[in-house]
Amino acid sequence: MEGTTRLDPSAERPHPCLGTAGGKGSRFAREWVTISKQEHIDLRARANYWEAQHARAKAQVEALTQEVARKEATIKDLRQRLFGKKSEKHGPLPSEKERGDGDDAPQRKRGQQPGRAGHGRTPRPTLPVVAEQHAPADGQSACPHCGLPYRRTPALDEQSTVIEVQVRAYTRRITRCAYTRDPGCCCENTPAVISAPPPARLIARSPFGVSFWVEMLLGKYRYGQPSNRLLQDLADQGLPVSPGTLAGGLQRLTGLFEPVLEALYCKQMSETLFNNDETRWEVFVDLEGKVGTRWYLWLTRSASVVFYCIDPSRSAAVPGAHFAGLQGERAIIVCDRYSAYKKLARLAENILLAFCWAHVRRDFLEAGRALPALEPWALDFKARIGMLYHLNQQRLAHWDPDRPLAQQGAAFEHAQAALQAALADLHAEAERLLAQDDTDATLPKVARARCKRVLTSLLHHWSGLTVFVAHPEVPMDNNRAEETIRTPVIGRKNYYGSGSLWSAQLAATLFSILQTLALWGINPRAWLTAYLNACADAGGQAPSVLAEFLPWSMDAARRAELCRPAAPPTGIDSS
């Protein structure tokens, strides 16, 4: 038939939906279909069109699948951040040893373990003792039958100990004795009446004594309590105080601590090893050129000093200004991978950065939590990093700080070699995986991208991560700064920040002083009481000599005195 085409079904691939019916031995394979050329062209065009549509749909489905996987990973990561445990010690990715042999493996209970020796009662030698005597009730100290009384026998007395805490606001009413001149005294230029001098006041004409301000400063800047809670506590004790009175008094006290803060800075700049961190701090003031209320509280911790500064910027200019007073030729800063510290190290040749391994470990854990396909990979690197910590602890057990690195003992050299070998192995494994991350087709695209990002960051910061090898005094992580900055973070969460510039500066100052005292083991309550009493004796000004209030300059007897709890007030009528 002219204009027709005869199709041979045996030359075409059978449709998968036809099964064996489309094979060569089927009935349809032995029949011929004759169609016109136009119908053949139409059928071929339709087939090409639907093949193209099918390919496009498959590409869209693949893209949507990757997008869903990425969003599920983000949701899982955010849910873990919001509801999961924040401690890195108990993450959701346990090692094989931590998991046990099976689902029924017994887990170790928290707290005191059966069969283990406990630490016993906590000794409290500095706690004052108030002695009491309790006698039997009336009628119980005599024989119920004959009525003869029992004889008192002190040798058989029993003692019971009960610890009490009594917080009490009270008024000191001071009688200043007056004396008149003797009638027989005719001396000139002598007063007719003399009396005892008025008590020293920290703030002129203020009725509140030193102990009041000690409680306010400790409650807000050491224990993180909001001002309204402190005032409510005082009101419950019968001492109502207005918020304006508290704010005005704290503002008057700000200048008293500036000389101490300056001494802390000078002492810190004479040291060579620092731990740095920063956290946001709200300051509710309008500042020209500043958008919003987010400021930053910068922490610098050294062996002797904890120093905070408050600044509206998070740029490298803040640590740059702080370390401008360095007295040594070289300083090492342990920090996270924030870009401000990297810029500081580029601008200052005498500063060397040591990056934190805990943040690297967190990168792997977060990747494993977000993407289940990366969990074995994350657990492997977590175990490798844990081995680095173990080898470093073994190395430090044989380290002599008084001897150079090249003159250490054989045990140290052996541990040092093992640590360097483990680091080299981890570096080689990261390079190998990074070079072939596209070859593992079993991993989703989003997982390969996450893996590449984590490994790239590890290798990029490798020089800063290995500073501790040549400098054993440098810790592997920045946990010192992370733990130190917790107190300000708790305060920020409780009272949101500061309402004025002087309040923000006072917060940074008191955080610095109180945490430096804790670093030296000095009781902050005893130190504040002594220092503010000295300020009161100086007429509401800072004492001219600070040596007896600086931990590194006071003698051993003075330090031992301030390490003890502050003596309780005397002369209080407890009736």
Protein backbone atom coordinates (compact mmCIF):
# COMPACT_ATOMS: atom_id res chain seq x y z
CA MET A 1 0.00 0.00 0.00
CA GLU A 2 1.53 3.32 -1.12
CA GLY A 3 2.55 5.68 1.61
CA THR A 4 2.56 3.05 4.33
CA THR A 5 5.23 1.59 6.61
CA ARG A 6 5.42 -1.97 7.88
CA LEU A 7 6.89 -2.20 11.42
CA ASP A 8 8.74 -5.26 12.62
CA PRO A 9 7.92 -5.68 16.34
CA SER A 10 10.86 -8.05 16.80
CA ALA A 11 13.24 -5.19 16.09
CA GLU A 12 11.79 -3.04 18.89
CA ARG A 13 12.45 -3.49 22.61
CA PRO A 14 9.30 -4.93 24.26
CA HIS A 15 7.60 -2.66 26.73
CA PRO A 16 8.26 -3.82 30.28
CA CYS A 17 4.56 -3.72 31.08
CA LEU A 18 3.82 -6.38 28.42
CA GLY A 19 5.92 -9.07 30.08
CA THR A 20 6.33 -12.18 27.96
CA ALA A 21 3.44 -11.13 25.72
CA GLY A 22 5.77 -8.74 23.91
CA GLY A 23 8.50 -11.34 23.26
CA LYS A 24 9.35 -13.01 19.98
CA GLY A 25 7.26 -16.08 20.76
CA SER A 26 4.06 -14.16 21.50
CA ARG A 27 1.07 -13.80 19.23
CA PHE A 28 1.76 -10.07 18.73
CA ALA A 29 5.24 -10.83 17.43
CA ARG A 30 3.78 -12.78 14.52
CA GLU A 31 1.33 -10.10 13.44
CA TRP A 32 2.09 -7.14 11.20
CA VAL A 33 0.68 -3.65 11.58
CA THR A 34 0.56 -1.31 8.63
CA ILE A 35 0.26 2.44 9.30
CA SER A 36 0.72 5.52 7.24
CA LYS A 37 3.90 7.58 7.20
CA GLN A 38 2.11 10.46 8.90
CA GLU A 39 0.90 8.20 11.71
CA HIS A 40 4.43 6.87 12.14
CA ILE A 41 5.82 10.42 12.39
CA ASP A 42 3.13 11.36 14.92
CA LEU A 43 3.81 8.30 17.07
CA ARG A 44 7.55 8.91 17.04
CA ALA A 45 7.04 12.57 17.97
CA ARG A 46 4.76 11.64 20.83
CA ALA A 47 7.24 9.02 22.06
CA ASN A 48 10.09 11.54 22.02
CA TYR A 49 7.93 14.12 23.78
CA TRP A 50 6.95 11.79 26.63
CA GLU A 51 10.50 10.51 26.96
CA ALA A 52 11.67 14.10 27.39
CA GLN A 53 8.88 14.75 29.89
CA HIS A 54 9.82 11.60 31.81
CA ALA A 55 13.49 12.63 31.95
CA ARG A 56 12.51 16.09 33.16
CA ALA A 57 10.24 14.61 35.82
CA LYS A 58 13.02 12.29 37.03
CA ALA A 59 15.41 15.25 37.31
CA GLN A 60 12.80 17.22 39.28
CA VAL A 61 12.14 14.28 41.57
CA GLU A 62 15.88 13.86 42.19
CA ALA A 63 16.26 17.57 42.97
CA LEU A 64 13.27 17.52 45.30
CA THR A 65 14.62 14.40 47.01
CA GLN A 66 17.92 16.16 47.68
CA GLU A 67 16.06 19.23 48.93
CA VAL A 68 13.92 17.12 51.26
CA ALA A 69 17.02 15.36 52.59
CA ARG A 70 18.70 18.71 53.22
CA LYS A 71 15.65 20.15 54.97
CA GLU A 72 15.22 17.01 57.08
CA ALA A 73 18.86 17.29 58.12
CA THR A 74 18.33 20.95 59.04
CA ILE A 75 15.18 20.11 61.01
CA LYS A 76 16.97 17.31 62.83
CA ASP A 77 19.90 19.56 63.64
CA LEU A 78 17.67 22.39 64.90
CA ARG A 79 15.55 19.97 66.92
CA GLN A 80 18.72 18.58 68.48
CA ARG A 81 19.89 22.09 69.35
CA LEU A 82 16.53 23.00 70.89
CA PHE A 83 15.60 19.80 72.69
CA GLY A 84 18.82 17.76 72.78
CA LYS A 85 21.49 17.66 75.44
CA LYS A 86 23.97 20.50 75.17
CA SER A 87 26.79 18.70 76.94
CA GLU A 88 29.37 17.27 74.53
CA LYS A 89 30.12 14.51 77.01
CA HIS A 90 26.78 12.82 76.41
CA GLY A 91 26.15 13.24 72.70
CA PRO A 92 23.69 11.18 70.64
CA LEU A 93 26.55 9.40 68.82
CA PRO A 94 28.10 6.98 71.34
CA SER A 95 31.14 4.96 70.45
CA GLU A 96 31.06 1.18 70.11
CA LYS A 97 32.47 0.80 73.62
CA GLU A 98 29.86 3.16 75.03
CA ARG A 99 27.02 1.36 73.22
CA GLY A 100 27.76 -2.05 74.74
CA ASP A 101 27.49 -5.42 73.04
CA GLY A 102 23.76 -5.17 72.39
CA ASP A 103 20.53 -3.42 73.14
CA ASP A 104 20.24 -5.29 76.44
CA ALA A 105 23.72 -4.27 77.65
CA PRO A 106 23.50 -2.83 81.19
CA GLN A 107 24.16 0.88 81.50
CA ARG A 108 26.16 2.41 84.31
CA LYS A 109 23.99 4.33 86.75
CA ARG A 110 24.86 7.86 87.69
CA GLY A 111 26.12 8.77 91.14
CA GLN A 112 27.78 6.64 93.78
CA GLN A 113 28.52 3.11 92.54
CA PRO A 114 27.87 0.08 94.78
CA GLY A 115 31.05 -1.24 96.35
CA ARG A 116 33.02 1.96 95.75
CA ALA A 117 34.41 3.99 98.63
CA GLY A 118 32.68 7.35 99.05
CA HIS A 119 34.28 10.68 99.90
CA GLY A 120 32.57 10.87 103.30
CA ARG A 121 31.19 13.94 104.98
CA THR A 122 32.39 17.26 103.62
CA PRO A 123 34.53 19.01 106.27
CA ARG A 124 33.54 22.58 107.11
CA PRO A 125 36.18 23.78 109.59
CA THR A 126 35.47 27.49 109.06
CA LEU A 127 31.74 27.29 109.75
CA PRO A 128 30.94 28.91 113.12
CA VAL A 129 29.25 26.70 115.71
CA VAL A 130 26.35 27.85 117.88
CA ALA A 131 26.10 25.54 120.90
CA GLU A 132 22.69 24.54 122.24
CA GLN A 133 21.59 22.24 125.05
CA HIS A 134 18.36 20.29 124.87
CA ALA A 135 17.16 18.61 128.06
CA PRO A 136 14.37 16.04 128.27
CA ALA A 137 10.89 17.44 128.63
CA ASP A 138 9.39 18.07 132.05
CA GLY A 139 8.47 14.84 133.77
CA GLN A 140 10.70 12.69 131.54
CA SER A 141 13.88 13.16 133.65
CA ALA A 142 12.45 11.30 136.67
CA CYS A 143 11.46 7.71 137.26
CA PRO A 144 7.76 7.28 136.36
CA HIS A 145 7.28 4.87 139.28
CA CYS A 146 9.15 6.22 142.32
CA GLY A 147 9.60 9.82 141.10
CA LEU A 148 13.34 10.00 141.86
CA PRO A 149 15.16 12.23 139.31
CA TYR A 150 17.82 10.96 136.94
CA ARG A 151 21.36 12.19 137.57
CA ARG A 152 23.03 14.42 135.03
CA THR A 153 26.00 12.57 133.43
CA PRO A 154 27.88 14.80 130.91
CA ALA A 155 30.19 11.95 129.90
CA LEU A 156 27.23 10.21 128.23
CA ASP A 157 25.96 13.27 126.36
CA GLU A 158 25.17 12.79 122.65
CA GLN A 159 25.61 15.42 119.98
CA SER A 160 23.51 16.07 116.90
CA THR A 161 24.59 18.43 114.11
CA VAL A 162 22.15 20.51 112.07
CA ILE A 163 23.42 23.08 109.56
CA GLU A 164 21.30 26.22 109.35
CA VAL A 165 21.49 29.24 107.06
CA GLN A 166 19.98 32.44 108.43
CA VAL A 167 19.90 35.53 106.21
CA ARG A 168 18.76 38.61 108.02
CA ALA A 169 18.59 42.34 107.34
CA TYR A 170 19.06 44.52 110.37
CA THR A 171 19.78 48.10 111.42
CA ARG A 172 22.96 49.11 113.19
CA ARG A 173 22.04 51.79 115.67
CA ILE A 174 25.32 53.37 116.80
CA THR A 175 25.36 55.52 119.91
CA ARG A 176 28.14 58.06 119.66
CA CYS A 177 29.06 58.90 123.23
CA ALA A 178 29.34 62.65 123.97
CA TYR A 179 31.50 64.29 126.63
CA THR A 180 31.37 67.86 128.05
CA ARG A 181 34.38 69.75 129.21
CA ASP A 182 35.14 69.69 132.92
CA PRO A 183 34.12 72.94 134.64
CA GLY A 184 37.63 73.30 136.01
CA CYS A 185 39.20 73.21 132.53
CA CYS A 186 39.99 76.75 131.35
CA CYS A 187 42.13 75.82 128.36
CA GLU A 188 41.56 77.84 125.22
CA ASN A 189 40.75 76.51 121.77
CA THR A 190 39.19 73.32 123.12
CA PRO A 191 35.67 72.21 122.24
CA ALA A 192 33.06 72.25 124.94
CA VAL A 193 31.54 68.96 123.74
CA ILE A 194 33.28 66.05 122.08
CA SER A 195 31.76 62.85 120.71
CA ALA A 196 32.82 59.76 118.79
CA PRO A 197 33.28 60.29 115.05
CA PRO A 198 30.46 59.22 112.74
CA PRO A 199 30.80 55.77 111.12
CA ALA A 200 32.59 55.56 107.79
CA ARG A 201 30.16 55.48 104.88
CA LEU A 202 30.77 54.02 101.48
CA ILE A 203 28.31 56.47 99.92
CA ALA A 204 27.80 59.82 101.61
CA ARG A 205 24.42 60.26 103.31
CA SER A 206 23.39 56.74 102.31
CA PRO A 207 21.83 54.63 105.07
CA PHE A 208 23.12 51.40 103.54
CA GLY A 209 26.32 49.87 104.84
CA VAL A 210 29.03 47.83 103.17
CA SER A 211 27.30 44.49 103.69
CA PHE A 212 24.26 45.72 101.74
CA TRP A 213 26.34 46.52 98.66
CA VAL A 214 28.33 43.31 99.00
CA GLU A 215 25.08 41.34 98.80
CA MET A 216 23.89 43.31 95.77
CA LEU A 217 27.15 42.97 93.87
CA LEU A 218 27.53 39.26 94.57
CA GLY A 219 23.89 38.49 93.84
CA LYS A 220 23.95 40.20 90.44
CA TYR A 221 27.47 39.61 89.14
CA ARG A 222 28.47 36.33 90.76
CA TYR A 223 25.17 34.47 91.09
CA GLY A 224 23.40 35.99 88.06
CA GLN A 225 20.26 37.17 89.86
CA PRO A 226 18.15 40.00 88.39
CA SER A 227 17.87 43.19 90.41
CA ASN A 228 14.14 42.84 90.93
CA ARG A 229 14.63 39.43 92.55
CA LEU A 230 17.29 40.85 94.86
CA LEU A 231 14.95 43.67 95.87
CA GLN A 232 12.07 41.24 96.36
CA ASP A 233 14.26 39.15 98.66
CA LEU A 234 15.08 42.25 100.70
CA ALA A 235 11.42 43.20 100.88
CA ASP A 236 10.61 39.73 102.21
CA GLN A 237 13.12 40.41 104.99
CA GLY A 238 11.43 43.68 105.87
CA LEU A 239 13.79 45.95 103.93
CA PRO A 240 11.98 47.49 100.94
CA VAL A 241 14.37 49.27 98.56
CA SER A 242 13.38 51.11 95.39
CA PRO A 243 15.03 50.16 92.06
CA GLY A 244 16.24 53.74 91.63
CA THR A 245 18.09 53.61 94.94
CA LEU A 246 19.87 50.42 93.90
CA ALA A 247 20.74 51.73 90.41
CA GLY A 248 22.00 55.04 91.77
CA GLY A 249 24.18 53.33 94.37
CA LEU A 250 25.71 50.94 91.84
CA GLN A 251 26.52 53.86 89.57
CA ARG A 252 28.32 55.59 92.44
CA LEU A 253 30.36 52.44 93.09
CA THR A 254 31.53 52.06 89.48
CA GLY A 255 34.54 54.31 89.89
CA LEU A 256 35.79 52.47 92.98
CA PHE A 257 36.75 49.40 90.95
CA GLU A 258 38.51 51.13 88.04
CA PRO A 259 41.99 51.07 89.70
CA VAL A 260 41.61 47.33 90.35
CA LEU A 261 40.59 46.73 86.73
CA GLU A 262 43.62 48.66 85.50
CA ALA A 263 45.88 46.53 87.72
CA LEU A 264 44.29 43.37 86.31
CA TYR A 265 44.99 44.51 82.76
CA CYS A 266 48.62 45.36 83.47
CA LYS A 267 49.16 41.98 85.12
CA GLN A 268 47.56 40.09 82.25
CA MET A 269 49.63 41.85 79.60
CA SER A 270 52.78 40.50 81.26
CA GLU A 271 51.71 36.90 80.49
CA THR A 272 52.03 34.87 77.29
CA LEU A 273 49.18 32.32 77.13
CA PHE A 274 45.54 33.36 76.78
CA ASN A 275 42.13 31.79 76.26
CA ASN A 276 39.68 34.02 74.38
CA ASP A 277 35.97 33.91 73.73
CA GLU A 278 33.06 36.30 73.26
CA THR A 279 29.32 36.30 73.75
CA ARG A 280 26.53 38.70 72.96
CA TRP A 281 25.42 41.19 75.60
CA GLU A 282 22.41 43.45 75.22
CA VAL A 283 22.93 47.13 76.05
CA PHE A 284 19.66 49.04 75.74
CA VAL A 285 20.99 52.45 74.72
CA ASP A 286 20.87 54.43 71.50
CA LEU A 287 24.37 54.88 70.14
CA GLU A 288 25.12 56.91 67.03
CA GLY A 289 26.12 54.60 64.20
CA LYS A 290 25.00 51.49 66.10
CA VAL A 291 21.93 49.62 64.89
CA GLY A 292 20.18 47.52 67.50
CA THR A 293 21.08 46.73 71.08
CA ARG A 294 23.42 43.77 70.55
CA TRP A 295 26.85 44.40 72.04
CA TYR A 296 29.55 41.84 72.76
CA LEU A 297 31.26 40.78 75.96
CA TRP A 298 34.86 39.77 75.18
CA LEU A 299 36.72 37.42 77.52
CA THR A 300 40.48 37.06 77.85
CA ARG A 301 41.68 34.55 80.44
CA SER A 302 45.31 34.00 81.39
CA ALA A 303 46.99 32.08 84.19
CA SER A 304 46.47 34.90 86.71
CA VAL A 305 43.67 37.13 85.42
CA VAL A 306 40.20 36.88 83.94
CA PHE A 307 39.46 40.06 82.00
CA TYR A 308 36.23 41.16 80.31
CA CYS A 309 35.54 44.15 78.09
CA ILE A 310 32.25 45.28 76.61
CA ASP A 311 32.12 46.68 73.08
CA PRO A 312 29.44 47.33 70.45
CA SER A 313 31.61 45.68 67.78
CA ARG A 314 32.64 42.11 67.12
CA SER A 315 35.49 43.08 64.83
CA ALA A 316 39.18 42.32 65.18
CA ALA A 317 39.73 45.86 66.49
CA VAL A 318 38.50 44.83 69.95
CA PRO A 319 41.06 42.08 70.68
CA GLY A 320 43.61 44.16 68.76
CA ALA A 321 43.16 47.05 71.19
CA HIS A 322 43.29 44.70 74.16
CA PHE A 323 46.52 42.98 73.12
CA ALA A 324 48.18 46.24 72.10
CA GLY A 325 49.72 46.39 75.58
CA LEU A 326 51.49 43.03 75.38
CA GLN A 327 54.86 43.13 77.11
CA GLY A 328 56.27 39.84 75.82
CA GLU A 329 57.74 39.07 72.41
CA ARG A 330 55.29 36.24 71.64
CA ALA A 331 51.78 35.43 72.82
CA ILE A 332 49.62 32.37 72.14
CA ILE A 333 45.84 32.76 72.03
CA VAL A 334 43.64 29.67 72.33
CA CYS A 335 40.36 30.44 70.58
CA ASP A 336 37.70 29.20 68.21
CA ARG A 337 37.87 29.74 64.46
CA TYR A 338 36.19 33.15 64.45
CA SER A 339 37.59 35.37 61.70
CA ALA A 340 38.37 38.30 64.04
CA TYR A 341 41.13 36.29 65.72
CA LYS A 342 42.54 35.23 62.35
CA LYS A 343 42.72 38.85 61.24
CA LEU A 344 44.38 39.77 64.54
CA ALA A 345 47.05 37.12 63.95
CA ARG A 346 47.66 38.42 60.42
CA LEU A 347 48.09 41.99 61.67
CA ALA A 348 50.17 41.18 64.75
CA GLU A 349 53.24 39.07 64.05
CA ASN A 350 53.82 38.37 67.75
CA ILE A 351 50.47 36.53 68.17
CA LEU A 352 50.08 32.82 67.43
CA LEU A 353 46.63 31.22 67.32
CA ALA A 354 45.88 27.77 68.73
CA PHE A 355 42.50 26.50 67.56
CA CYS A 356 40.12 24.39 69.61
CA TRP A 357 39.78 20.64 68.98
CA ALA A 358 36.44 20.58 70.80
CA HIS A 359 34.94 22.70 68.02
CA VAL A 360 36.35 20.31 65.40
CA ARG A 361 34.86 17.37 67.28
CA ARG A 362 31.54 19.21 67.37
CA ASP A 363 31.63 19.60 63.57
CA PHE A 364 31.76 15.82 63.11
CA LEU A 365 29.10 15.16 65.75
CA GLU A 366 26.68 17.68 64.26
CA ALA A 367 27.20 16.22 60.80
CA GLY A 368 26.50 12.72 62.11
CA ARG A 369 23.40 13.88 63.96
CA ALA A 370 22.01 15.74 60.97
CA LEU A 371 22.72 13.07 58.33
CA PRO A 372 22.41 9.41 59.38
CA ALA A 373 24.49 8.39 56.34
CA LEU A 374 27.48 10.17 57.89
CA GLU A 375 27.15 8.61 61.34
CA PRO A 376 29.84 5.89 60.88
CA TRP A 377 32.20 8.48 59.39
CA ALA A 378 31.53 10.89 62.28
CA LEU A 379 32.05 8.17 64.89
CA ASP A 380 35.36 7.21 63.32
CA PHE A 381 36.72 10.77 63.50
CA LYS A 382 35.29 11.21 66.99
CA ALA A 383 37.29 8.17 68.11
CA ARG A 384 40.42 9.53 66.41
CA ILE A 385 40.09 12.88 68.18
CA GLY A 386 39.48 11.10 71.48
CA MET A 387 42.71 9.17 70.96
CA LEU A 388 44.53 12.48 70.44
CA TYR A 389 43.28 13.68 73.82
CA HIS A 390 44.39 10.42 75.42
CA LEU A 391 47.87 10.54 73.91
CA ASN A 392 48.26 14.19 74.90
CA GLN A 393 47.35 13.37 78.51
CA GLN A 394 49.96 10.61 78.53
CA ARG A 395 52.50 13.05 77.15
CA LEU A 396 51.71 15.73 79.75
CA ALA A 397 52.08 13.15 82.55
CA HIS A 398 55.82 13.01 81.71
CA TRP A 399 56.29 16.69 80.87
CA ASP A 400 58.65 18.81 82.95
CA PRO A 401 57.66 22.50 82.52
CA ASP A 402 61.08 23.65 83.74
CA ARG A 403 62.96 21.92 80.92
CA PRO A 404 62.97 22.80 77.19
CA LEU A 405 61.08 20.56 74.80
CA ALA A 406 64.29 19.10 73.36
CA GLN A 407 65.55 18.11 76.83
CA GLN A 408 62.58 16.12 78.07
CA GLY A 409 62.85 12.53 79.26
CA ALA A 410 62.56 9.34 77.24
CA ALA A 411 58.98 8.70 78.36
CA PHE A 412 57.94 12.13 77.09
CA GLU A 413 59.72 11.57 73.78
CA HIS A 414 57.93 8.24 73.31
CA ALA A 415 54.52 9.81 74.03
CA GLN A 416 55.37 12.75 71.77
CA ALA A 417 56.17 10.41 68.88
CA ALA A 418 52.90 8.50 69.37
CA LEU A 419 50.94 11.77 69.36
CA GLN A 420 52.63 13.01 66.20
CA ALA A 421 51.96 9.68 64.46
CA ALA A 422 48.26 9.83 65.36
CA LEU A 423 48.04 13.40 64.05
CA ALA A 424 49.76 12.43 60.81
CA ASP A 425 47.38 9.49 60.38
CA LEU A 426 44.32 11.70 60.95
CA HIS A 427 45.62 14.30 58.49
CA ALA A 428 46.29 11.67 55.83
CA GLU A 429 42.82 10.16 56.29
CA ALA A 430 41.19 13.58 55.92
CA GLU A 431 43.15 14.28 52.74
CA ARG A 432 42.28 10.86 51.31
CA LEU A 433 38.55 11.28 51.97
CA LEU A 434 38.55 14.82 50.65
CA ALA A 435 40.24 13.72 47.42
CA GLN A 436 37.69 10.98 46.72
CA ASP A 437 34.49 12.39 48.22
CA ASP A 438 32.79 12.44 44.80
CA THR A 439 33.54 8.77 44.11
CA ASP A 440 31.27 7.42 46.86
CA ALA A 441 27.97 7.31 45.00
CA THR A 442 26.22 5.63 47.93
CA LEU A 443 26.14 8.90 49.88
CA PRO A 444 23.51 11.53 49.03
CA LYS A 445 24.78 14.71 47.45
CA VAL A 446 23.99 16.77 50.55
CA ALA A 447 25.96 14.32 52.71
CA ARG A 448 28.99 14.51 50.43
CA ALA A 449 28.84 18.31 50.57
CA ARG A 450 28.66 18.30 54.37
CA CYS A 451 31.55 15.85 54.58
CA LYS A 452 33.66 17.98 52.25
CA ARG A 453 32.93 21.15 54.23
CA VAL A 454 33.97 19.60 57.57
CA LEU A 455 37.18 18.06 56.19
CA THR A 456 38.12 21.25 54.36
CA SER A 457 37.77 23.23 57.60
CA LEU A 458 39.90 20.66 59.45
CA LEU A 459 42.75 20.85 56.96
CA HIS A 460 42.52 24.63 56.59
CA HIS A 461 43.00 25.16 60.35
CA TRP A 462 45.55 22.36 60.77
CA SER A 463 48.50 24.61 61.64
CA GLY A 464 46.54 26.22 64.48
CA LEU A 465 45.19 22.88 65.67
CA THR A 466 48.71 21.46 66.10
CA VAL A 467 50.26 24.33 68.07
CA PHE A 468 49.91 22.30 71.26
CA VAL A 469 52.41 19.72 69.95
CA ALA A 470 55.36 22.12 70.11
CA HIS A 471 53.94 23.95 73.14
CA PRO A 472 52.79 21.43 75.77
CA GLU A 473 51.54 24.24 78.02
CA VAL A 474 48.84 25.03 75.42
CA PRO A 475 45.59 23.08 75.96
CA MET A 476 43.99 21.22 73.06
CA ASP A 477 40.67 23.02 73.46
CA ASN A 478 39.23 26.31 74.63
CA ASN A 479 37.21 24.81 77.47
CA ARG A 480 38.78 27.18 80.00
CA ALA A 481 37.19 30.17 78.28
CA GLU A 482 33.94 28.31 77.61
CA GLU A 483 33.57 27.43 81.30
CA THR A 484 34.60 30.90 82.49
CA ILE A 485 32.05 32.73 80.35
CA ARG A 486 29.12 30.70 81.66
CA THR A 487 28.45 33.08 84.56
CA PRO A 488 27.91 36.12 82.31
CA VAL A 489 25.77 34.01 79.98
CA ILE A 490 23.55 32.98 82.91
CA GLY A 491 23.28 36.63 83.93
CA ARG A 492 22.39 37.63 80.38
CA LYS A 493 19.62 35.06 80.27
CA ASN A 494 18.27 36.19 83.64
CA TYR A 495 18.34 39.96 83.26
CA TYR A 496 18.86 40.35 79.48
CA GLY A 497 21.94 42.59 79.71
CA SER A 498 22.43 46.21 80.77
CA GLY A 499 20.22 49.26 80.52
CA SER A 500 22.99 51.86 80.29
CA LEU A 501 26.65 52.21 79.35
CA TRP A 502 27.86 52.57 82.95
CA SER A 503 25.89 49.45 83.90
CA ALA A 504 27.50 47.46 81.07
CA GLN A 505 30.95 48.66 82.10
CA LEU A 506 30.26 47.79 85.75
CA ALA A 507 29.16 44.30 84.69
CA ALA A 508 32.40 43.73 82.73
CA THR A 509 34.45 45.10 85.65
CA LEU A 510 32.78 42.97 88.33
CA PHE A 511 32.88 39.86 86.15
CA SER A 512 36.64 40.43 85.75
CA ILE A 513 37.34 41.02 89.44
CA LEU A 514 35.14 38.30 90.91
CA GLN A 515 36.31 35.59 88.51
CA THR A 516 39.95 36.57 88.98
CA LEU A 517 39.48 36.17 92.74
CA ALA A 518 37.92 32.75 92.18
CA LEU A 519 40.92 31.85 89.99
CA TRP A 520 43.20 32.48 92.98
CA GLY A 521 40.91 30.71 95.46
CA ILE A 522 40.03 33.95 97.27
CA ASN A 523 36.58 34.24 98.80
CA PRO A 524 34.81 37.02 96.82
CA ARG A 525 32.61 37.93 99.78
CA ALA A 526 35.59 38.36 102.08
CA TRP A 527 37.50 40.38 99.46
CA LEU A 528 34.56 42.66 98.64
CA THR A 529 33.89 43.28 102.32
CA ALA A 530 37.52 44.20 102.97
CA TYR A 531 37.85 46.33 99.85
CA LEU A 532 34.63 48.29 100.31
CA ASN A 533 35.44 48.87 103.98
CA ALA A 534 38.77 50.31 102.86
CA CYS A 535 36.93 52.53 100.37
CA ALA A 536 34.59 53.71 103.13
CA ASP A 537 37.56 54.51 105.39
CA ALA A 538 39.04 56.52 102.50
CA GLY A 539 35.93 58.70 102.33
CA GLY A 540 34.16 56.83 99.54
CA GLN A 541 37.25 56.70 97.31
CA ALA A 542 39.40 53.81 96.12
CA PRO A 543 42.29 53.08 98.51
CA SER A 544 45.58 54.65 97.49
CA VAL A 545 47.51 51.38 97.98
CA LEU A 546 46.14 48.31 96.18
CA ALA A 547 48.91 45.84 97.01
CA GLU A 548 46.95 44.19 99.82
CA PHE A 549 43.96 43.64 97.49
CA LEU A 550 45.77 42.18 94.46
CA PRO A 551 46.18 38.39 94.72
CA TRP A 552 49.66 38.30 93.19
CA SER A 553 51.09 41.07 95.39
CA MET A 554 49.59 40.26 98.81
CA ASP A 555 51.56 38.13 101.26
CA ALA A 556 50.66 34.58 102.23
CA ALA A 557 49.02 35.58 105.51
CA ARG A 558 46.78 38.12 103.79
CA ARG A 559 45.82 35.64 101.08
CA ALA A 560 45.00 32.97 103.68
CA GLU A 561 42.84 35.50 105.52
CA LEU A 562 40.85 36.36 102.39
CA CYS A 563 40.48 32.72 101.39
CA ARG A 564 38.43 32.10 104.52
CA PRO A 565 34.73 32.99 104.60
CA ALA A 566 33.90 36.51 105.74
CA ALA A 567 33.40 36.75 109.50
CA PRO A 568 29.73 36.99 110.50
CA PRO A 569 28.58 40.34 111.96
CA THR A 570 28.62 40.64 115.73
CA GLY A 571 26.38 42.44 118.14
CA ILE A 572 23.08 41.42 116.55
CA ASP A 573 20.18 40.98 118.91
CA SER A 574 18.76 37.58 118.02
CA SER A 575 15.90 37.68 120.45
